[in-house]
Amino acid sequence: VTLGKKPVRAIKMDGVPWVSMPPVMPGETFQYRFTLQQSGTY
């Protein structure tokens, strides 16, 4: 799995497999780290 997050603009946290990052494999843990640049509903 990878998770795409609408307000996040850090490329390696974008969550598109093999575009911005490799997928999170079964049993693995991935740490999403990002700086928020705006508020709102996403």
All heavy atoms as atom14 arrays in JSON, in Angstrom:
{
  "sequence": "VTLGKKPVRAIKMDGVPWVSMPPVMPGETFQYRFTLQQSGTY",
  "atom14_mask": [
    [1, 1, 1, 1, 1, 1, 1, 0, 0, 0, 0, 0, 0, 0],
    [1, 1, 1, 1, 1, 1, 1, 0, 0, 0, 0, 0, 0, 0],
    [1, 1, 1, 1, 1, 1, 1, 1, 0, 0, 0, 0, 0, 0],
    [1, 1, 1, 1, 0, 0, 0, 0, 0, 0, 0, 0, 0, 0],
    [1, 1, 1, 1, 1, 1, 1, 1, 1, 0, 0, 0, 0, 0],
    [1, 1, 1, 1, 1, 1, 1, 1, 1, 0, 0, 0, 0, 0],
    [1, 1, 1, 1, 1, 1, 1, 0, 0, 0, 0, 0, 0, 0],
    [1, 1, 1, 1, 1, 1, 1, 0, 0, 0, 0, 0, 0, 0],
    [1, 1, 1, 1, 1, 1, 1, 1, 1, 1, 1, 0, 0, 0],
    [1, 1, 1, 1, 1, 0, 0, 0, 0, 0, 0, 0, 0, 0],
    [1, 1, 1, 1, 1, 1, 1, 1, 0, 0, 0, 0, 0, 0],
    [1, 1, 1, 1, 1, 1, 1, 1, 1, 0, 0, 0, 0, 0],
    [1, 1, 1, 1, 1, 1, 1, 1, 0, 0, 0, 0, 0, 0],
    [1, 1, 1, 1, 1, 1, 1, 1, 0, 0, 0, 0, 0, 0],
    [1, 1, 1, 1, 0, 0, 0, 0, 0, 0, 0, 0, 0, 0],
    [1, 1, 1, 1, 1, 1, 1, 0, 0, 0, 0, 0, 0, 0],
    [1, 1, 1, 1, 1, 1, 1, 0, 0, 0, 0, 0, 0, 0],
    [1, 1, 1, 1, 1, 1, 1, 1, 1, 1, 1, 1, 1, 1],
    [1, 1, 1, 1, 1, 1, 1, 0, 0, 0, 0, 0, 0, 0],
    [1, 1, 1, 1, 1, 1, 0, 0, 0, 0, 0, 0, 0, 0],
    [1, 1, 1, 1, 1, 1, 1, 1, 0, 0, 0, 0, 0, 0],
    [1, 1, 1, 1, 1, 1, 1, 0, 0, 0, 0, 0, 0, 0],
    [1, 1, 1, 1, 1, 1, 1, 0, 0, 0, 0, 0, 0, 0],
    [1, 1, 1, 1, 1, 1, 1, 0, 0, 0, 0, 0, 0, 0],
    [1, 1, 1, 1, 1, 1, 1, 1, 0, 0, 0, 0, 0, 0],
    [1, 1, 1, 1, 1, 1, 1, 0, 0, 0, 0, 0, 0, 0],
    [1, 1, 1, 1, 0, 0, 0, 0, 0, 0, 0, 0, 0, 0],
    [1, 1, 1, 1, 1, 1, 1, 1, 1, 0, 0, 0, 0, 0],
    [1, 1, 1, 1, 1, 1, 1, 0, 0, 0, 0, 0, 0, 0],
    [1, 1, 1, 1, 1, 1, 1, 1, 1, 1, 1, 0, 0, 0],
    [1, 1, 1, 1, 1, 1, 1, 1, 1, 0, 0, 0, 0, 0],
    [1, 1, 1, 1, 1, 1, 1, 1, 1, 1, 1, 1, 0, 0],
    [1, 1, 1, 1, 1, 1, 1, 1, 1, 1, 1, 0, 0, 0],
    [1, 1, 1, 1, 1, 1, 1, 1, 1, 1, 1, 0, 0, 0],
    [1, 1, 1, 1, 1, 1, 1, 0, 0, 0, 0, 0, 0, 0],
    [1, 1, 1, 1, 1, 1, 1, 1, 0, 0, 0, 0, 0, 0],
    [1, 1, 1, 1, 1, 1, 1, 1, 1, 0, 0, 0, 0, 0],
    [1, 1, 1, 1, 1, 1, 1, 1, 1, 0, 0, 0, 0, 0],
    [1, 1, 1, 1, 1, 1, 0, 0, 0, 0, 0, 0, 0, 0],
    [1, 1, 1, 1, 0, 0, 0, 0, 0, 0, 0, 0, 0, 0],
    [1, 1, 1, 1, 1, 1, 1, 0, 0, 0, 0, 0, 0, 0],
    [1, 1, 1, 1, 1, 1, 1, 1, 1, 1, 1, 1, 0, 0]
  ],
  "atom14_positions": [
    [[0.84, -1.19, 0.0], [0.0, 0.0, 0.0], [0.88, 1.24, 0.0], [2.01, 1.21, 0.46], [-0.94, 0.02, 1.24], [-0.14, 0.2, 2.51], [-2.0, 1.11, 1.13], [0.0, 0.0, 0.0], [0.0, 0.0, 0.0], [0.0, 0.0, 0.0], [0.0, 0.0, 0.0], [0.0, 0.0, 0.0], [0.0, 0.0, 0.0], [0.0, 0.0, 0.0]],
    [[0.37, 2.32, -0.56], [0.91, 3.65, -0.33], [-0.27, 4.58, -0.16], [-1.34, 4.35, -0.72], [1.77, 4.15, -1.51], [1.0, 4.05, -2.72], [3.04, 3.35, -1.64], [0.0, 0.0, 0.0], [0.0, 0.0, 0.0], [0.0, 0.0, 0.0], [0.0, 0.0, 0.0], [0.0, 0.0, 0.0], [0.0, 0.0, 0.0], [0.0, 0.0, 0.0]],
    [[-0.1, 5.63, 0.63], [-1.2, 6.56, 0.88], [-0.89, 7.9, 0.22], [0.16, 8.49, 0.46], [-1.41, 6.77, 2.39], [-1.92, 5.59, 3.18], [-2.14, 5.99, 4.63], [-3.2, 5.03, 2.6], [0.0, 0.0, 0.0], [0.0, 0.0, 0.0], [0.0, 0.0, 0.0], [0.0, 0.0, 0.0], [0.0, 0.0, 0.0], [0.0, 0.0, 0.0]],
    [[-1.84, 8.37, -0.6], [-1.77, 9.7, -1.17], [-2.55, 10.67, -0.31], [-3.67, 10.37, 0.08], [0.0, 0.0, 0.0], [0.0, 0.0, 0.0], [0.0, 0.0, 0.0], [0.0, 0.0, 0.0], [0.0, 0.0, 0.0], [0.0, 0.0, 0.0], [0.0, 0.0, 0.0], [0.0, 0.0, 0.0], [0.0, 0.0, 0.0], [0.0, 0.0, 0.0]],
    [[-1.97, 11.83, 0.0], [-2.6, 12.79, 0.9], [-2.77, 14.1, 0.16], [-1.8, 14.67, -0.34], [-1.74, 12.96, 2.16], [-1.47, 11.66, 2.88], [-0.42, 11.81, 3.95], [0.95, 12.09, 3.4], [1.43, 11.1, 2.43], [0.0, 0.0, 0.0], [0.0, 0.0, 0.0], [0.0, 0.0, 0.0], [0.0, 0.0, 0.0], [0.0, 0.0, 0.0]],
    [[-3.99, 14.61, 0.09], [-4.27, 15.76, -0.76], [-3.53, 17.03, -0.38], [-3.17, 17.78, -1.26], [-5.78, 16.04, -0.77], [-6.63, 14.87, -1.26], [-6.28, 14.46, -2.66], [-7.13, 13.27, -3.09], [-6.54, 12.5, -4.17], [0.0, 0.0, 0.0], [0.0, 0.0, 0.0], [0.0, 0.0, 0.0], [0.0, 0.0, 0.0], [0.0, 0.0, 0.0]],
    [[-3.27, 17.35, 0.9], [-2.62, 18.63, 1.17], [-1.1, 18.57, 1.24], [-0.47, 19.57, 1.54], [-3.19, 19.01, 2.54], [-3.37, 17.7, 3.21], [-3.74, 16.72, 2.14], [0.0, 0.0, 0.0], [0.0, 0.0, 0.0], [0.0, 0.0, 0.0], [0.0, 0.0, 0.0], [0.0, 0.0, 0.0], [0.0, 0.0, 0.0], [0.0, 0.0, 0.0]],
    [[-0.5, 17.4, 1.01], [0.94, 17.24, 1.25], [1.72, 17.47, -0.04], [1.38, 16.94, -1.09], [1.24, 15.84, 1.82], [2.73, 15.61, 1.93], [0.57, 15.69, 3.17], [0.0, 0.0, 0.0], [0.0, 0.0, 0.0], [0.0, 0.0, 0.0], [0.0, 0.0, 0.0], [0.0, 0.0, 0.0], [0.0, 0.0, 0.0], [0.0, 0.0, 0.0]],
    [[2.79, 18.27, 0.04], [3.55, 18.61, -1.15], [4.99, 18.12, -1.1], [5.81, 18.49, -1.92], [3.51, 20.13, -1.36], [2.1, 20.65, -1.47], [2.05, 22.14, -1.73], [2.48, 22.46, -3.08], [2.5, 23.7, -3.56], [2.17, 24.71, -2.79], [2.89, 23.92, -4.79], [0.0, 0.0, 0.0], [0.0, 0.0, 0.0], [0.0, 0.0, 0.0]],
    [[5.34, 17.3, -0.12], [6.67, 16.7, -0.06], [6.68, 15.48, -0.96], [5.94, 14.53, -0.73], [7.02, 16.32, 1.38], [0.0, 0.0, 0.0], [0.0, 0.0, 0.0], [0.0, 0.0, 0.0], [0.0, 0.0, 0.0], [0.0, 0.0, 0.0], [0.0, 0.0, 0.0], [0.0, 0.0, 0.0], [0.0, 0.0, 0.0], [0.0, 0.0, 0.0]],
    [[7.51, 15.49, -2.01], [7.42, 14.5, -3.06], [7.57, 13.07, -2.54], [6.85, 12.16, -2.94], [8.43, 14.79, -4.19], [8.33, 13.75, -5.3], [9.84, 14.87, -3.66], [7.01, 13.7, -5.98], [0.0, 0.0, 0.0], [0.0, 0.0, 0.0], [0.0, 0.0, 0.0], [0.0, 0.0, 0.0], [0.0, 0.0, 0.0], [0.0, 0.0, 0.0]],
    [[8.5, 12.85, -1.61], [8.71, 11.48, -1.14], [7.63, 11.02, -0.16], [7.65, 9.88, 0.27], [10.1, 11.36, -0.51], [11.22, 11.46, -1.55], [12.57, 11.14, -0.97], [13.65, 11.16, -2.05], [14.98, 10.81, -1.51], [0.0, 0.0, 0.0], [0.0, 0.0, 0.0], [0.0, 0.0, 0.0], [0.0, 0.0, 0.0], [0.0, 0.0, 0.0]],
    [[6.7, 11.87, 0.16], [5.58, 11.52, 1.03], [4.26, 11.47, 0.24], [3.19, 11.36, 0.81], [5.42, 12.55, 2.16], [6.65, 12.75, 3.01], [7.1, 11.29, 3.98], [8.76, 10.98, 3.35], [0.0, 0.0, 0.0], [0.0, 0.0, 0.0], [0.0, 0.0, 0.0], [0.0, 0.0, 0.0], [0.0, 0.0, 0.0], [0.0, 0.0, 0.0]],
    [[4.33, 11.56, -1.08], [3.11, 11.7, -1.88], [2.32, 10.41, -1.99], [1.12, 10.43, -2.22], [3.46, 12.24, -3.26], [2.23, 12.57, -4.08], [1.32, 13.21, -3.53], [2.16, 12.16, -5.25], [0.0, 0.0, 0.0], [0.0, 0.0, 0.0], [0.0, 0.0, 0.0], [0.0, 0.0, 0.0], [0.0, 0.0, 0.0], [0.0, 0.0, 0.0]],
    [[2.95, 9.27, -1.87], [2.2, 8.03, -1.78], [1.84, 7.36, -3.08], [0.95, 6.5, -3.09], [0.0, 0.0, 0.0], [0.0, 0.0, 0.0], [0.0, 0.0, 0.0], [0.0, 0.0, 0.0], [0.0, 0.0, 0.0], [0.0, 0.0, 0.0], [0.0, 0.0, 0.0], [0.0, 0.0, 0.0], [0.0, 0.0, 0.0], [0.0, 0.0, 0.0]],
    [[2.48, 7.7, -4.2], [2.22, 7.03, -5.47], [3.31, 5.99, -5.69], [4.48, 6.34, -5.82], [2.18, 8.02, -6.64], [1.91, 7.28, -7.95], [1.12, 9.09, -6.4], [0.0, 0.0, 0.0], [0.0, 0.0, 0.0], [0.0, 0.0, 0.0], [0.0, 0.0, 0.0], [0.0, 0.0, 0.0], [0.0, 0.0, 0.0], [0.0, 0.0, 0.0]],
    [[2.96, 4.69, -5.72], [3.98, 3.65, -5.8], [4.82, 3.75, -7.07], [4.3, 3.91, -8.17], [3.17, 2.34, -5.76], [1.79, 2.72, -6.18], [1.59, 4.13, -5.72], [0.0, 0.0, 0.0], [0.0, 0.0, 0.0], [0.0, 0.0, 0.0], [0.0, 0.0, 0.0], [0.0, 0.0, 0.0], [0.0, 0.0, 0.0], [0.0, 0.0, 0.0]],
    [[6.14, 3.71, -6.89], [7.14, 3.73, -7.94], [7.17, 5.04, -8.71], [7.83, 5.15, -9.73], [6.96, 2.55, -8.9], [6.92, 1.25, -8.17], [5.91, 0.33, -8.18], [7.91, 0.7, -7.29], [6.19, -0.74, -7.39], [7.43, -0.55, -6.82], [9.16, 1.15, -6.85], [8.15, -1.34, -5.94], [9.87, 0.35, -5.97], [9.36, -0.88, -5.53]],
    [[6.46, 6.07, -8.22], [6.62, 7.42, -8.75], [7.29, 8.28, -7.7], [8.36, 8.85, -7.92], [5.26, 8.03, -9.18], [5.44, 9.5, -9.57], [4.66, 7.25, -10.34], [0.0, 0.0, 0.0], [0.0, 0.0, 0.0], [0.0, 0.0, 0.0], [0.0, 0.0, 0.0], [0.0, 0.0, 0.0], [0.0, 0.0, 0.0], [0.0, 0.0, 0.0]],
    [[6.67, 8.37, -6.53], [7.25, 9.16, -5.44], [7.91, 8.29, -4.38], [8.73, 8.79, -3.61], [6.17, 10.03, -4.79], [5.11, 9.23, -4.32], [0.0, 0.0, 0.0], [0.0, 0.0, 0.0], [0.0, 0.0, 0.0], [0.0, 0.0, 0.0], [0.0, 0.0, 0.0], [0.0, 0.0, 0.0], [0.0, 0.0, 0.0], [0.0, 0.0, 0.0]],
    [[7.56, 7.02, -4.32], [8.08, 6.15, -3.28], [7.75, 4.71, -3.62], [6.81, 4.44, -4.38], [7.43, 6.51, -1.93], [5.91, 6.4, -1.94], [5.13, 6.82, -0.37], [5.6, 5.41, 0.62], [0.0, 0.0, 0.0], [0.0, 0.0, 0.0], [0.0, 0.0, 0.0], [0.0, 0.0, 0.0], [0.0, 0.0, 0.0], [0.0, 0.0, 0.0]],
    [[8.49, 3.74, -3.07], [8.09, 2.35, -3.23], [6.9, 2.04, -2.33], [6.67, 2.73, -1.34], [9.34, 1.57, -2.79], [10.03, 2.49, -1.85], [9.76, 3.88, -2.34], [0.0, 0.0, 0.0], [0.0, 0.0, 0.0], [0.0, 0.0, 0.0], [0.0, 0.0, 0.0], [0.0, 0.0, 0.0], [0.0, 0.0, 0.0], [0.0, 0.0, 0.0]],
    [[6.11, 1.02, -2.67], [4.97, 0.69, -1.81], [5.42, 0.14, -0.46], [6.54, -0.37, -0.31], [4.23, -0.4, -2.61], [5.26, -0.99, -3.5], [6.21, 0.13, -3.84], [0.0, 0.0, 0.0], [0.0, 0.0, 0.0], [0.0, 0.0, 0.0], [0.0, 0.0, 0.0], [0.0, 0.0, 0.0], [0.0, 0.0, 0.0], [0.0, 0.0, 0.0]],
    [[4.55, 0.28, 0.53], [4.8, -0.28, 1.86], [4.41, -1.75, 1.8], [3.24, -2.09, 1.61], [3.98, 0.45, 2.94], [4.32, -0.1, 4.32], [4.24, 1.95, 2.89], [0.0, 0.0, 0.0], [0.0, 0.0, 0.0], [0.0, 0.0, 0.0], [0.0, 0.0, 0.0], [0.0, 0.0, 0.0], [0.0, 0.0, 0.0], [0.0, 0.0, 0.0]],
    [[5.37, -2.64, 1.96], [5.14, -4.07, 1.79], [4.52, -4.67, 3.05], [4.59, -4.08, 4.14], [6.47, -4.76, 1.47], [7.18, -4.2, 0.23], [6.17, -4.28, -1.27], [6.19, -6.05, -1.57], [0.0, 0.0, 0.0], [0.0, 0.0, 0.0], [0.0, 0.0, 0.0], [0.0, 0.0, 0.0], [0.0, 0.0, 0.0], [0.0, 0.0, 0.0]],
    [[3.9, -5.86, 2.92], [3.31, -6.51, 4.09], [4.33, -6.67, 5.22], [5.46, -7.1, 5.0], [2.88, -7.88, 3.55], [2.64, -7.64, 2.09], [3.66, -6.62, 1.68], [0.0, 0.0, 0.0], [0.0, 0.0, 0.0], [0.0, 0.0, 0.0], [0.0, 0.0, 0.0], [0.0, 0.0, 0.0], [0.0, 0.0, 0.0], [0.0, 0.0, 0.0]],
    [[3.92, -6.24, 6.42], [4.79, -6.32, 7.59], [5.71, -5.13, 7.77], [6.37, -5.02, 8.81], [0.0, 0.0, 0.0], [0.0, 0.0, 0.0], [0.0, 0.0, 0.0], [0.0, 0.0, 0.0], [0.0, 0.0, 0.0], [0.0, 0.0, 0.0], [0.0, 0.0, 0.0], [0.0, 0.0, 0.0], [0.0, 0.0, 0.0], [0.0, 0.0, 0.0]],
    [[5.78, -4.23, 6.78], [6.66, -3.08, 6.89], [5.95, -1.89, 7.53], [4.73, -1.81, 7.56], [7.16, -2.65, 5.5], [8.14, -3.61, 4.86], [8.69, -3.06, 3.55], [8.15, -2.04, 3.05], [9.64, -3.66, 3.03], [0.0, 0.0, 0.0], [0.0, 0.0, 0.0], [0.0, 0.0, 0.0], [0.0, 0.0, 0.0], [0.0, 0.0, 0.0]],
    [[6.75, -0.98, 8.05], [6.25, 0.29, 8.58], [6.94, 1.42, 7.82], [8.17, 1.4, 7.65], [6.54, 0.42, 10.08], [5.82, -0.59, 10.78], [6.1, 1.79, 10.6], [0.0, 0.0, 0.0], [0.0, 0.0, 0.0], [0.0, 0.0, 0.0], [0.0, 0.0, 0.0], [0.0, 0.0, 0.0], [0.0, 0.0, 0.0], [0.0, 0.0, 0.0]],
    [[6.16, 2.37, 7.37], [6.71, 3.54, 6.7], [6.32, 4.78, 7.48], [5.18, 4.92, 7.92], [6.18, 3.66, 5.27], [6.72, 4.86, 4.53], [7.98, 4.82, 3.95], [5.97, 6.02, 4.43], [8.49, 5.92, 3.28], [6.48, 7.13, 3.76], [7.73, 7.08, 3.18], [0.0, 0.0, 0.0], [0.0, 0.0, 0.0], [0.0, 0.0, 0.0]],
    [[7.27, 5.69, 7.65], [7.02, 6.92, 8.4], [6.8, 8.07, 7.43], [7.7, 8.48, 6.71], [8.2, 7.23, 9.32], [7.93, 8.41, 10.26], [9.09, 8.65, 11.19], [10.06, 9.32, 10.84], [9.0, 8.09, 12.4], [0.0, 0.0, 0.0], [0.0, 0.0, 0.0], [0.0, 0.0, 0.0], [0.0, 0.0, 0.0], [0.0, 0.0, 0.0]],
    [[5.55, 8.56, 7.41], [5.24, 9.75, 6.62], [5.63, 10.99, 7.43], [5.2, 11.16, 8.57], [3.74, 9.81, 6.3], [3.31, 8.87, 5.21], [2.95, 7.55, 5.5], [3.25, 9.29, 3.9], [2.55, 6.68, 4.51], [2.84, 8.42, 2.89], [2.5, 7.12, 3.19], [2.1, 6.26, 2.2], [0.0, 0.0, 0.0], [0.0, 0.0, 0.0]],
    [[6.45, 11.83, 6.84], [6.93, 13.03, 7.52], [6.74, 14.21, 6.57], [7.24, 14.21, 5.45], [8.41, 12.87, 7.9], [8.97, 14.0, 8.74], [10.43, 13.69, 9.12], [11.03, 14.77, 9.87], [10.91, 14.94, 11.18], [10.2, 14.07, 11.89], [11.5, 15.94, 11.79], [0.0, 0.0, 0.0], [0.0, 0.0, 0.0], [0.0, 0.0, 0.0]],
    [[6.0, 15.22, 7.02], [5.67, 16.31, 6.11], [5.41, 17.58, 6.9], [5.06, 17.55, 8.08], [4.43, 15.96, 5.27], [3.28, 15.44, 6.07], [2.33, 16.3, 6.61], [3.12, 14.08, 6.31], [1.27, 15.83, 7.36], [2.07, 13.6, 7.06], [1.13, 14.48, 7.59], [0.0, 0.0, 0.0], [0.0, 0.0, 0.0], [0.0, 0.0, 0.0]],
    [[5.57, 18.71, 6.22], [5.28, 20.02, 6.79], [4.01, 20.56, 6.17], [3.89, 20.65, 4.95], [6.44, 21.0, 6.51], [7.63, 20.48, 7.09], [6.14, 22.37, 7.11], [0.0, 0.0, 0.0], [0.0, 0.0, 0.0], [0.0, 0.0, 0.0], [0.0, 0.0, 0.0], [0.0, 0.0, 0.0], [0.0, 0.0, 0.0], [0.0, 0.0, 0.0]],
    [[3.06, 20.91, 7.01], [1.8, 21.44, 6.51], [1.98, 22.88, 6.03], [2.65, 23.68, 6.69], [0.74, 21.39, 7.61], [0.33, 19.99, 8.06], [-0.6, 20.08, 9.26], [-0.34, 19.24, 6.93], [0.0, 0.0, 0.0], [0.0, 0.0, 0.0], [0.0, 0.0, 0.0], [0.0, 0.0, 0.0], [0.0, 0.0, 0.0], [0.0, 0.0, 0.0]],
    [[1.37, 23.19, 4.91], [1.49, 24.53, 4.34], [0.15, 25.25, 4.25], [0.11, 26.41, 3.86], [2.14, 24.44, 2.95], [3.54, 23.86, 2.99], [4.19, 23.83, 1.63], [3.59, 24.19, 0.64], [5.43, 23.39, 1.58], [0.0, 0.0, 0.0], [0.0, 0.0, 0.0], [0.0, 0.0, 0.0], [0.0, 0.0, 0.0], [0.0, 0.0, 0.0]],
    [[-0.93, 24.56, 4.58], [-2.24, 25.2, 4.55], [-3.2, 24.39, 5.41], [-2.95, 23.23, 5.73], [-2.79, 25.3, 3.13], [-3.24, 24.0, 2.49], [-2.09, 23.2, 1.9], [-1.08, 23.75, 1.49], [-2.26, 21.9, 1.86], [0.0, 0.0, 0.0], [0.0, 0.0, 0.0], [0.0, 0.0, 0.0], [0.0, 0.0, 0.0], [0.0, 0.0, 0.0]],
    [[-4.29, 25.02, 5.8], [-5.33, 24.34, 6.56], [-6.48, 23.98, 5.63], [-6.49, 24.33, 4.45], [-5.82, 25.24, 7.69], [-6.34, 26.45, 7.17], [0.0, 0.0, 0.0], [0.0, 0.0, 0.0], [0.0, 0.0, 0.0], [0.0, 0.0, 0.0], [0.0, 0.0, 0.0], [0.0, 0.0, 0.0], [0.0, 0.0, 0.0], [0.0, 0.0, 0.0]],
    [[-7.45, 23.23, 6.16], [-8.63, 22.94, 5.36], [-9.07, 21.48, 5.42], [-8.53, 20.67, 6.17], [0.0, 0.0, 0.0], [0.0, 0.0, 0.0], [0.0, 0.0, 0.0], [0.0, 0.0, 0.0], [0.0, 0.0, 0.0], [0.0, 0.0, 0.0], [0.0, 0.0, 0.0], [0.0, 0.0, 0.0], [0.0, 0.0, 0.0], [0.0, 0.0, 0.0]],
    [[-10.07, 21.15, 4.6], [-10.66, 19.82, 4.53], [-10.04, 19.05, 3.37], [-10.18, 19.44, 2.21], [-12.18, 19.93, 4.33], [-12.75, 20.66, 5.43], [-12.82, 18.55, 4.26], [0.0, 0.0, 0.0], [0.0, 0.0, 0.0], [0.0, 0.0, 0.0], [0.0, 0.0, 0.0], [0.0, 0.0, 0.0], [0.0, 0.0, 0.0], [0.0, 0.0, 0.0]],
    [[-9.38, 17.95, 3.7], [-8.73, 17.11, 2.69], [-9.01, 15.65, 3.02], [-9.77, 15.33, 3.94], [-7.21, 17.38, 2.67], [-6.88, 18.84, 2.5], [-6.56, 19.64, 3.61], [-6.89, 19.44, 1.25], [-6.27, 20.98, 3.46], [-6.6, 20.78, 1.09], [-6.29, 21.55, 2.19], [-6.01, 22.88, 2.05], [0.0, 0.0, 0.0], [0.0, 0.0, 0.0]]
  ]
}
